[in-house]
Amino acid sequence: RTWGFHSLGFPAGVDFPYLLYADQIGVSVERSRGRSEIGWLRL
């Protein structure tokens, strides 16, 4: 399922919710790999 810090994907270059959505409606999306050294914080 989605996990607590799944939103880290977007600034790192991987939009997880959109990937699943696009797959479900049959839209092709390029592969992506998250960039390193991007932080997620729960202040």
All heavy atoms as atom14 arrays in JSON, in Angstrom:
{
  "sequence": "RTWGFHSLGFPAGVDFPYLLYADQIGVSVERSRGRSEIGWLRL",
  "atom14_mask": [
    [1, 1, 1, 1, 1, 1, 1, 1, 1, 1, 1, 0, 0, 0],
    [1, 1, 1, 1, 1, 1, 1, 0, 0, 0, 0, 0, 0, 0],
    [1, 1, 1, 1, 1, 1, 1, 1, 1, 1, 1, 1, 1, 1],
    [1, 1, 1, 1, 0, 0, 0, 0, 0, 0, 0, 0, 0, 0],
    [1, 1, 1, 1, 1, 1, 1, 1, 1, 1, 1, 0, 0, 0],
    [1, 1, 1, 1, 1, 1, 1, 1, 1, 1, 0, 0, 0, 0],
    [1, 1, 1, 1, 1, 1, 0, 0, 0, 0, 0, 0, 0, 0],
    [1, 1, 1, 1, 1, 1, 1, 1, 0, 0, 0, 0, 0, 0],
    [1, 1, 1, 1, 0, 0, 0, 0, 0, 0, 0, 0, 0, 0],
    [1, 1, 1, 1, 1, 1, 1, 1, 1, 1, 1, 0, 0, 0],
    [1, 1, 1, 1, 1, 1, 1, 0, 0, 0, 0, 0, 0, 0],
    [1, 1, 1, 1, 1, 0, 0, 0, 0, 0, 0, 0, 0, 0],
    [1, 1, 1, 1, 0, 0, 0, 0, 0, 0, 0, 0, 0, 0],
    [1, 1, 1, 1, 1, 1, 1, 0, 0, 0, 0, 0, 0, 0],
    [1, 1, 1, 1, 1, 1, 1, 1, 0, 0, 0, 0, 0, 0],
    [1, 1, 1, 1, 1, 1, 1, 1, 1, 1, 1, 0, 0, 0],
    [1, 1, 1, 1, 1, 1, 1, 0, 0, 0, 0, 0, 0, 0],
    [1, 1, 1, 1, 1, 1, 1, 1, 1, 1, 1, 1, 0, 0],
    [1, 1, 1, 1, 1, 1, 1, 1, 0, 0, 0, 0, 0, 0],
    [1, 1, 1, 1, 1, 1, 1, 1, 0, 0, 0, 0, 0, 0],
    [1, 1, 1, 1, 1, 1, 1, 1, 1, 1, 1, 1, 0, 0],
    [1, 1, 1, 1, 1, 0, 0, 0, 0, 0, 0, 0, 0, 0],
    [1, 1, 1, 1, 1, 1, 1, 1, 0, 0, 0, 0, 0, 0],
    [1, 1, 1, 1, 1, 1, 1, 1, 1, 0, 0, 0, 0, 0],
    [1, 1, 1, 1, 1, 1, 1, 1, 0, 0, 0, 0, 0, 0],
    [1, 1, 1, 1, 0, 0, 0, 0, 0, 0, 0, 0, 0, 0],
    [1, 1, 1, 1, 1, 1, 1, 0, 0, 0, 0, 0, 0, 0],
    [1, 1, 1, 1, 1, 1, 0, 0, 0, 0, 0, 0, 0, 0],
    [1, 1, 1, 1, 1, 1, 1, 0, 0, 0, 0, 0, 0, 0],
    [1, 1, 1, 1, 1, 1, 1, 1, 1, 0, 0, 0, 0, 0],
    [1, 1, 1, 1, 1, 1, 1, 1, 1, 1, 1, 0, 0, 0],
    [1, 1, 1, 1, 1, 1, 0, 0, 0, 0, 0, 0, 0, 0],
    [1, 1, 1, 1, 1, 1, 1, 1, 1, 1, 1, 0, 0, 0],
    [1, 1, 1, 1, 0, 0, 0, 0, 0, 0, 0, 0, 0, 0],
    [1, 1, 1, 1, 1, 1, 1, 1, 1, 1, 1, 0, 0, 0],
    [1, 1, 1, 1, 1, 1, 0, 0, 0, 0, 0, 0, 0, 0],
    [1, 1, 1, 1, 1, 1, 1, 1, 1, 0, 0, 0, 0, 0],
    [1, 1, 1, 1, 1, 1, 1, 1, 0, 0, 0, 0, 0, 0],
    [1, 1, 1, 1, 0, 0, 0, 0, 0, 0, 0, 0, 0, 0],
    [1, 1, 1, 1, 1, 1, 1, 1, 1, 1, 1, 1, 1, 1],
    [1, 1, 1, 1, 1, 1, 1, 1, 0, 0, 0, 0, 0, 0],
    [1, 1, 1, 1, 1, 1, 1, 1, 1, 1, 1, 0, 0, 0],
    [1, 1, 1, 1, 1, 1, 1, 1, 0, 0, 0, 0, 0, 0]
  ],
  "atom14_positions": [
    [[0.87, -1.18, 0.0], [0.0, 0.0, 0.0], [0.9, 1.22, 0.0], [2.12, 1.1, 0.06], [-0.88, 0.01, 1.26], [-0.01, -0.09, 2.52], [-0.77, 0.18, 3.78], [-0.01, -0.13, 4.97], [1.02, 0.55, 5.44], [1.48, 1.61, 4.81], [1.62, 0.2, 6.56], [0.0, 0.0, 0.0], [0.0, 0.0, 0.0], [0.0, 0.0, 0.0]],
    [[0.3, 2.42, -0.04], [1.14, 3.6, 0.15], [1.65, 3.6, 1.58], [1.01, 3.05, 2.48], [0.38, 4.91, -0.14], [-0.8, 4.94, 0.64], [0.06, 5.04, -1.61], [0.0, 0.0, 0.0], [0.0, 0.0, 0.0], [0.0, 0.0, 0.0], [0.0, 0.0, 0.0], [0.0, 0.0, 0.0], [0.0, 0.0, 0.0], [0.0, 0.0, 0.0]],
    [[2.76, 4.18, 1.81], [3.42, 4.18, 3.11], [3.54, 5.62, 3.58], [3.26, 6.56, 2.84], [4.79, 3.5, 3.01], [5.6, 4.0, 1.87], [6.58, 4.96, 1.9], [5.47, 3.62, 0.49], [7.07, 5.19, 0.64], [6.4, 4.38, -0.25], [4.67, 2.71, -0.2], [6.55, 4.27, -1.62], [4.82, 2.61, -1.58], [5.75, 3.37, -2.28]],
    [[3.97, 5.8, 4.82], [3.99, 7.13, 5.43], [4.73, 8.19, 4.65], [4.3, 9.34, 4.59], [0.0, 0.0, 0.0], [0.0, 0.0, 0.0], [0.0, 0.0, 0.0], [0.0, 0.0, 0.0], [0.0, 0.0, 0.0], [0.0, 0.0, 0.0], [0.0, 0.0, 0.0], [0.0, 0.0, 0.0], [0.0, 0.0, 0.0], [0.0, 0.0, 0.0]],
    [[5.84, 7.86, 4.04], [6.64, 8.87, 3.34], [6.58, 8.71, 1.82], [7.49, 9.13, 1.11], [8.08, 8.87, 3.86], [8.82, 7.59, 3.62], [9.53, 7.38, 2.45], [8.82, 6.6, 4.58], [10.23, 6.2, 2.24], [9.51, 5.41, 4.38], [10.22, 5.22, 3.19], [0.0, 0.0, 0.0], [0.0, 0.0, 0.0], [0.0, 0.0, 0.0]],
    [[5.48, 8.14, 1.29], [5.4, 7.95, -0.16], [5.5, 9.27, -0.93], [5.92, 9.3, -2.07], [4.12, 7.2, -0.56], [2.9, 8.02, -0.52], [2.19, 8.23, 0.65], [2.26, 8.73, -1.49], [1.17, 9.02, 0.39], [1.18, 9.33, -0.89], [0.0, 0.0, 0.0], [0.0, 0.0, 0.0], [0.0, 0.0, 0.0], [0.0, 0.0, 0.0]],
    [[5.13, 10.37, -0.28], [5.2, 11.67, -0.95], [6.64, 12.12, -1.23], [6.86, 13.04, -2.02], [4.47, 12.73, -0.12], [5.03, 12.83, 1.17], [0.0, 0.0, 0.0], [0.0, 0.0, 0.0], [0.0, 0.0, 0.0], [0.0, 0.0, 0.0], [0.0, 0.0, 0.0], [0.0, 0.0, 0.0], [0.0, 0.0, 0.0], [0.0, 0.0, 0.0]],
    [[7.63, 11.46, -0.63], [9.03, 11.74, -0.96], [9.31, 11.46, -2.43], [10.16, 12.09, -3.05], [9.96, 10.87, -0.09], [11.45, 10.86, -0.42], [12.04, 12.25, -0.28], [12.19, 9.87, 0.48], [0.0, 0.0, 0.0], [0.0, 0.0, 0.0], [0.0, 0.0, 0.0], [0.0, 0.0, 0.0], [0.0, 0.0, 0.0], [0.0, 0.0, 0.0]],
    [[8.55, 10.53, -3.01], [8.77, 10.18, -4.41], [8.67, 11.36, -5.35], [9.47, 11.5, -6.28], [0.0, 0.0, 0.0], [0.0, 0.0, 0.0], [0.0, 0.0, 0.0], [0.0, 0.0, 0.0], [0.0, 0.0, 0.0], [0.0, 0.0, 0.0], [0.0, 0.0, 0.0], [0.0, 0.0, 0.0], [0.0, 0.0, 0.0], [0.0, 0.0, 0.0]],
    [[7.69, 12.23, -5.14], [7.46, 13.33, -6.08], [8.68, 14.26, -6.21], [9.17, 14.47, -7.32], [6.2, 14.1, -5.73], [5.82, 15.1, -6.77], [5.28, 14.7, -7.98], [6.02, 16.45, -6.55], [4.95, 15.62, -8.96], [5.7, 17.38, -7.52], [5.16, 16.97, -8.73], [0.0, 0.0, 0.0], [0.0, 0.0, 0.0], [0.0, 0.0, 0.0]],
    [[9.22, 14.82, -5.11], [10.4, 15.68, -5.29], [11.64, 14.91, -5.75], [12.55, 15.49, -6.34], [10.61, 16.34, -3.93], [9.91, 15.47, -2.96], [8.78, 14.83, -3.7], [0.0, 0.0, 0.0], [0.0, 0.0, 0.0], [0.0, 0.0, 0.0], [0.0, 0.0, 0.0], [0.0, 0.0, 0.0], [0.0, 0.0, 0.0], [0.0, 0.0, 0.0]],
    [[11.66, 13.59, -5.5], [12.8, 12.78, -5.94], [12.64, 12.29, -7.38], [13.55, 11.69, -7.94], [12.99, 11.59, -5.01], [0.0, 0.0, 0.0], [0.0, 0.0, 0.0], [0.0, 0.0, 0.0], [0.0, 0.0, 0.0], [0.0, 0.0, 0.0], [0.0, 0.0, 0.0], [0.0, 0.0, 0.0], [0.0, 0.0, 0.0], [0.0, 0.0, 0.0]],
    [[11.46, 12.53, -7.99], [11.26, 12.18, -9.39], [10.42, 10.96, -9.67], [10.4, 10.47, -10.81], [0.0, 0.0, 0.0], [0.0, 0.0, 0.0], [0.0, 0.0, 0.0], [0.0, 0.0, 0.0], [0.0, 0.0, 0.0], [0.0, 0.0, 0.0], [0.0, 0.0, 0.0], [0.0, 0.0, 0.0], [0.0, 0.0, 0.0], [0.0, 0.0, 0.0]],
    [[9.7, 10.43, -8.65], [8.85, 9.26, -8.85], [7.48, 9.56, -8.23], [7.33, 9.6, -7.02], [9.44, 7.99, -8.17], [8.59, 6.77, -8.5], [10.88, 7.77, -8.59], [0.0, 0.0, 0.0], [0.0, 0.0, 0.0], [0.0, 0.0, 0.0], [0.0, 0.0, 0.0], [0.0, 0.0, 0.0], [0.0, 0.0, 0.0], [0.0, 0.0, 0.0]],
    [[6.48, 9.76, -9.07], [5.13, 10.1, -8.6], [4.33, 8.8, -8.44], [3.6, 8.38, -9.34], [4.46, 11.05, -9.59], [3.16, 11.62, -9.07], [2.63, 11.09, -8.06], [2.67, 12.59, -9.67], [0.0, 0.0, 0.0], [0.0, 0.0, 0.0], [0.0, 0.0, 0.0], [0.0, 0.0, 0.0], [0.0, 0.0, 0.0], [0.0, 0.0, 0.0]],
    [[4.44, 8.17, -7.27], [3.83, 6.85, -7.05], [2.31, 6.83, -7.25], [1.81, 5.95, -7.95], [4.2, 6.31, -5.67], [5.63, 5.88, -5.56], [6.53, 6.59, -4.8], [6.08, 4.75, -6.24], [7.86, 6.19, -4.71], [7.4, 4.35, -6.16], [8.29, 5.07, -5.39], [0.0, 0.0, 0.0], [0.0, 0.0, 0.0], [0.0, 0.0, 0.0]],
    [[1.55, 7.76, -6.67], [0.09, 7.7, -6.9], [-0.27, 7.8, -8.38], [-1.14, 7.08, -8.86], [-0.45, 8.88, -6.09], [0.58, 9.11, -5.03], [1.9, 8.79, -5.68], [0.0, 0.0, 0.0], [0.0, 0.0, 0.0], [0.0, 0.0, 0.0], [0.0, 0.0, 0.0], [0.0, 0.0, 0.0], [0.0, 0.0, 0.0], [0.0, 0.0, 0.0]],
    [[0.41, 8.69, -9.11], [0.09, 8.83, -10.53], [0.46, 7.57, -11.31], [-0.26, 7.17, -12.24], [0.78, 10.06, -11.15], [0.42, 10.19, -12.6], [-0.86, 10.63, -12.97], [1.32, 9.84, -13.61], [-1.22, 10.71, -14.31], [0.96, 9.92, -14.94], [-0.31, 10.36, -15.29], [-0.67, 10.43, -16.61], [0.0, 0.0, 0.0], [0.0, 0.0, 0.0]],
    [[1.56, 6.93, -10.96], [1.95, 5.7, -11.66], [0.86, 4.64, -11.57], [0.52, 4.0, -12.57], [3.25, 5.14, -11.07], [4.52, 5.9, -11.4], [5.67, 5.42, -10.52], [4.87, 5.75, -12.87], [0.0, 0.0, 0.0], [0.0, 0.0, 0.0], [0.0, 0.0, 0.0], [0.0, 0.0, 0.0], [0.0, 0.0, 0.0], [0.0, 0.0, 0.0]],
    [[0.31, 4.45, -10.38], [-0.74, 3.46, -10.21], [-2.01, 3.88, -10.96], [-2.64, 3.07, -11.64], [-1.04, 3.23, -8.73], [-1.99, 2.09, -8.41], [-1.48, 0.76, -8.96], [-2.2, 1.98, -6.91], [0.0, 0.0, 0.0], [0.0, 0.0, 0.0], [0.0, 0.0, 0.0], [0.0, 0.0, 0.0], [0.0, 0.0, 0.0], [0.0, 0.0, 0.0]],
    [[-2.36, 5.14, -10.85], [-3.53, 5.66, -11.56], [-3.38, 5.47, -13.07], [-4.29, 4.95, -13.74], [-3.73, 7.14, -11.22], [-4.74, 7.84, -12.08], [-6.11, 7.65, -11.88], [-4.33, 8.69, -13.1], [-7.04, 8.29, -12.68], [-5.26, 9.34, -13.9], [-6.61, 9.13, -13.69], [-7.54, 9.76, -14.48], [0.0, 0.0, 0.0], [0.0, 0.0, 0.0]],
    [[-2.26, 5.89, -13.61], [-2.02, 5.77, -15.05], [-2.08, 4.31, -15.5], [-2.64, 4.0, -16.56], [-0.68, 6.39, -15.42], [0.0, 0.0, 0.0], [0.0, 0.0, 0.0], [0.0, 0.0, 0.0], [0.0, 0.0, 0.0], [0.0, 0.0, 0.0], [0.0, 0.0, 0.0], [0.0, 0.0, 0.0], [0.0, 0.0, 0.0], [0.0, 0.0, 0.0]],
    [[-1.53, 3.42, -14.7], [-1.57, 2.01, -15.04], [-3.01, 1.5, -15.09], [-3.38, 0.74, -15.99], [-0.76, 1.21, -14.01], [-0.72, -0.26, -14.36], [-0.07, -0.62, -15.37], [-1.35, -1.05, -13.64], [0.0, 0.0, 0.0], [0.0, 0.0, 0.0], [0.0, 0.0, 0.0], [0.0, 0.0, 0.0], [0.0, 0.0, 0.0], [0.0, 0.0, 0.0]],
    [[-3.82, 1.94, -14.16], [-5.21, 1.47, -14.09], [-6.06, 1.96, -15.26], [-6.98, 1.27, -15.68], [-5.85, 1.9, -12.78], [-5.27, 1.21, -11.57], [-5.47, -0.29, -11.63], [-6.6, -0.77, -11.61], [-4.39, -1.04, -11.73], [0.0, 0.0, 0.0], [0.0, 0.0, 0.0], [0.0, 0.0, 0.0], [0.0, 0.0, 0.0], [0.0, 0.0, 0.0]],
    [[-5.74, 3.13, -15.8], [-6.53, 3.63, -16.93], [-5.84, 3.39, -18.28], [-6.33, 3.83, -19.31], [-6.91, 5.13, -16.76], [-5.67, 6.01, -16.75], [-7.76, 5.33, -15.52], [-5.99, 7.5, -16.83], [0.0, 0.0, 0.0], [0.0, 0.0, 0.0], [0.0, 0.0, 0.0], [0.0, 0.0, 0.0], [0.0, 0.0, 0.0], [0.0, 0.0, 0.0]],
    [[-4.71, 2.68, -18.25], [-4.04, 2.29, -19.48], [-3.17, 3.35, -20.13], [-2.87, 3.26, -21.32], [0.0, 0.0, 0.0], [0.0, 0.0, 0.0], [0.0, 0.0, 0.0], [0.0, 0.0, 0.0], [0.0, 0.0, 0.0], [0.0, 0.0, 0.0], [0.0, 0.0, 0.0], [0.0, 0.0, 0.0], [0.0, 0.0, 0.0], [0.0, 0.0, 0.0]],
    [[-2.74, 4.34, -19.36], [-1.86, 5.38, -19.89], [-0.41, 4.95, -19.69], [-0.02, 4.56, -18.58], [-2.11, 6.74, -19.18], [-1.09, 7.77, -19.6], [-3.52, 7.22, -19.45], [0.0, 0.0, 0.0], [0.0, 0.0, 0.0], [0.0, 0.0, 0.0], [0.0, 0.0, 0.0], [0.0, 0.0, 0.0], [0.0, 0.0, 0.0], [0.0, 0.0, 0.0]],
    [[0.38, 5.01, -20.74], [1.78, 4.64, -20.65], [2.57, 5.76, -19.97], [2.41, 6.94, -20.3], [2.34, 4.41, -22.06], [3.7, 4.06, -21.99], [0.0, 0.0, 0.0], [0.0, 0.0, 0.0], [0.0, 0.0, 0.0], [0.0, 0.0, 0.0], [0.0, 0.0, 0.0], [0.0, 0.0, 0.0], [0.0, 0.0, 0.0], [0.0, 0.0, 0.0]],
    [[3.43, 5.38, -19.02], [4.25, 6.34, -18.29], [5.69, 5.85, -18.33], [5.96, 4.66, -18.17], [3.78, 6.46, -16.81], [4.66, 7.42, -16.05], [2.33, 6.89, -16.74], [0.0, 0.0, 0.0], [0.0, 0.0, 0.0], [0.0, 0.0, 0.0], [0.0, 0.0, 0.0], [0.0, 0.0, 0.0], [0.0, 0.0, 0.0], [0.0, 0.0, 0.0]],
    [[6.62, 6.78, -18.55], [8.04, 6.42, -18.58], [8.49, 5.9, -17.22], [8.0, 6.35, -16.17], [8.89, 7.65, -18.92], [8.95, 7.95, -20.38], [9.98, 9.05, -20.68], [11.08, 9.02, -20.08], [9.66, 9.91, -21.5], [0.0, 0.0, 0.0], [0.0, 0.0, 0.0], [0.0, 0.0, 0.0], [0.0, 0.0, 0.0], [0.0, 0.0, 0.0]],
    [[9.44, 4.99, -17.25], [10.04, 4.5, -16.01], [10.79, 5.64, -15.33], [11.29, 6.55, -16.0], [11.02, 3.37, -16.3], [10.36, 2.13, -16.85], [11.43, 1.09, -17.21], [10.8, -0.08, -17.76], [10.4, -1.12, -17.06], [10.58, -1.13, -15.76], [9.83, -2.15, -17.64], [0.0, 0.0, 0.0], [0.0, 0.0, 0.0], [0.0, 0.0, 0.0]],
    [[10.88, 5.56, -14.01], [11.63, 6.58, -13.28], [12.37, 5.95, -12.11], [12.02, 4.88, -11.64], [10.69, 7.7, -12.8], [9.61, 7.17, -12.07], [0.0, 0.0, 0.0], [0.0, 0.0, 0.0], [0.0, 0.0, 0.0], [0.0, 0.0, 0.0], [0.0, 0.0, 0.0], [0.0, 0.0, 0.0], [0.0, 0.0, 0.0], [0.0, 0.0, 0.0]],
    [[13.39, 6.66, -11.7], [14.22, 6.2, -10.58], [14.46, 7.41, -9.69], [14.86, 8.47, -10.18], [15.53, 5.65, -11.11], [16.45, 5.11, -10.07], [17.72, 4.57, -10.76], [18.59, 3.97, -9.8], [18.46, 2.74, -9.32], [17.47, 1.98, -9.75], [19.29, 2.27, -8.43], [0.0, 0.0, 0.0], [0.0, 0.0, 0.0], [0.0, 0.0, 0.0]],
    [[14.21, 7.25, -8.41], [14.35, 8.38, -7.49], [15.77, 8.87, -7.35], [16.71, 8.08, -7.26], [0.0, 0.0, 0.0], [0.0, 0.0, 0.0], [0.0, 0.0, 0.0], [0.0, 0.0, 0.0], [0.0, 0.0, 0.0], [0.0, 0.0, 0.0], [0.0, 0.0, 0.0], [0.0, 0.0, 0.0], [0.0, 0.0, 0.0], [0.0, 0.0, 0.0]],
    [[15.92, 10.19, -7.35], [17.23, 10.8, -7.1], [17.57, 10.68, -5.62], [16.68, 10.74, -4.77], [17.22, 12.28, -7.5], [17.07, 12.52, -8.99], [17.15, 14.01, -9.35], [16.33, 14.88, -8.52], [15.03, 15.1, -8.71], [14.38, 14.49, -9.68], [14.37, 15.93, -7.92], [0.0, 0.0, 0.0], [0.0, 0.0, 0.0], [0.0, 0.0, 0.0]],
    [[18.83, 10.56, -5.32], [19.24, 10.45, -3.92], [19.43, 11.83, -3.28], [19.48, 12.84, -3.97], [20.52, 9.62, -3.8], [21.56, 10.21, -4.53], [0.0, 0.0, 0.0], [0.0, 0.0, 0.0], [0.0, 0.0, 0.0], [0.0, 0.0, 0.0], [0.0, 0.0, 0.0], [0.0, 0.0, 0.0], [0.0, 0.0, 0.0], [0.0, 0.0, 0.0]],
    [[19.51, 11.82, -1.96], [19.75, 13.0, -1.13], [18.59, 14.0, -1.15], [18.79, 15.2, -1.03], [21.07, 13.69, -1.48], [22.26, 12.8, -1.24], [23.58, 13.5, -1.47], [23.6, 14.72, -1.73], [24.61, 12.82, -1.39], [0.0, 0.0, 0.0], [0.0, 0.0, 0.0], [0.0, 0.0, 0.0], [0.0, 0.0, 0.0], [0.0, 0.0, 0.0]],
    [[17.36, 13.48, -1.27], [16.15, 14.3, -1.13], [15.48, 13.86, 0.18], [15.3, 12.67, 0.41], [15.17, 14.09, -2.3], [15.87, 14.27, -3.65], [13.95, 15.01, -2.16], [16.35, 15.65, -3.96], [0.0, 0.0, 0.0], [0.0, 0.0, 0.0], [0.0, 0.0, 0.0], [0.0, 0.0, 0.0], [0.0, 0.0, 0.0], [0.0, 0.0, 0.0]],
    [[15.13, 14.82, 1.01], [14.58, 14.49, 2.32], [13.08, 14.66, 2.43], [12.47, 15.48, 1.74], [0.0, 0.0, 0.0], [0.0, 0.0, 0.0], [0.0, 0.0, 0.0], [0.0, 0.0, 0.0], [0.0, 0.0, 0.0], [0.0, 0.0, 0.0], [0.0, 0.0, 0.0], [0.0, 0.0, 0.0], [0.0, 0.0, 0.0], [0.0, 0.0, 0.0]],
    [[12.49, 13.86, 3.32], [11.08, 13.95, 3.72], [11.08, 14.17, 5.22], [11.81, 13.5, 5.95], [10.36, 12.65, 3.37], [8.97, 12.52, 3.89], [7.83, 12.85, 3.23], [8.55, 12.0, 5.17], [6.73, 12.57, 4.01], [7.15, 12.05, 5.21], [9.23, 11.52, 6.28], [6.41, 11.63, 6.32], [8.5, 11.1, 7.38], [7.1, 11.16, 7.39]],
    [[10.27, 15.11, 5.69], [10.28, 15.49, 7.1], [8.86, 15.56, 7.64], [7.97, 16.08, 6.97], [10.94, 16.87, 7.22], [10.99, 17.53, 8.59], [11.97, 16.82, 9.5], [11.37, 18.99, 8.44], [0.0, 0.0, 0.0], [0.0, 0.0, 0.0], [0.0, 0.0, 0.0], [0.0, 0.0, 0.0], [0.0, 0.0, 0.0], [0.0, 0.0, 0.0]],
    [[8.67, 15.05, 8.84], [7.42, 15.29, 9.57], [7.81, 16.13, 10.77], [8.19, 15.62, 11.83], [6.76, 13.99, 10.0], [5.46, 14.29, 10.73], [4.44, 13.22, 10.56], [3.16, 13.73, 11.07], [2.42, 13.1, 11.96], [2.78, 11.91, 12.38], [1.3, 13.63, 12.37], [0.0, 0.0, 0.0], [0.0, 0.0, 0.0], [0.0, 0.0, 0.0]],
    [[7.74, 17.43, 10.59], [8.3, 18.39, 11.55], [7.75, 18.22, 12.95], [8.5, 18.25, 13.93], [8.07, 19.82, 11.05], [8.76, 20.92, 11.85], [10.28, 20.74, 11.8], [8.37, 22.28, 11.32], [0.0, 0.0, 0.0], [0.0, 0.0, 0.0], [0.0, 0.0, 0.0], [0.0, 0.0, 0.0], [0.0, 0.0, 0.0], [0.0, 0.0, 0.0]]
  ]
}
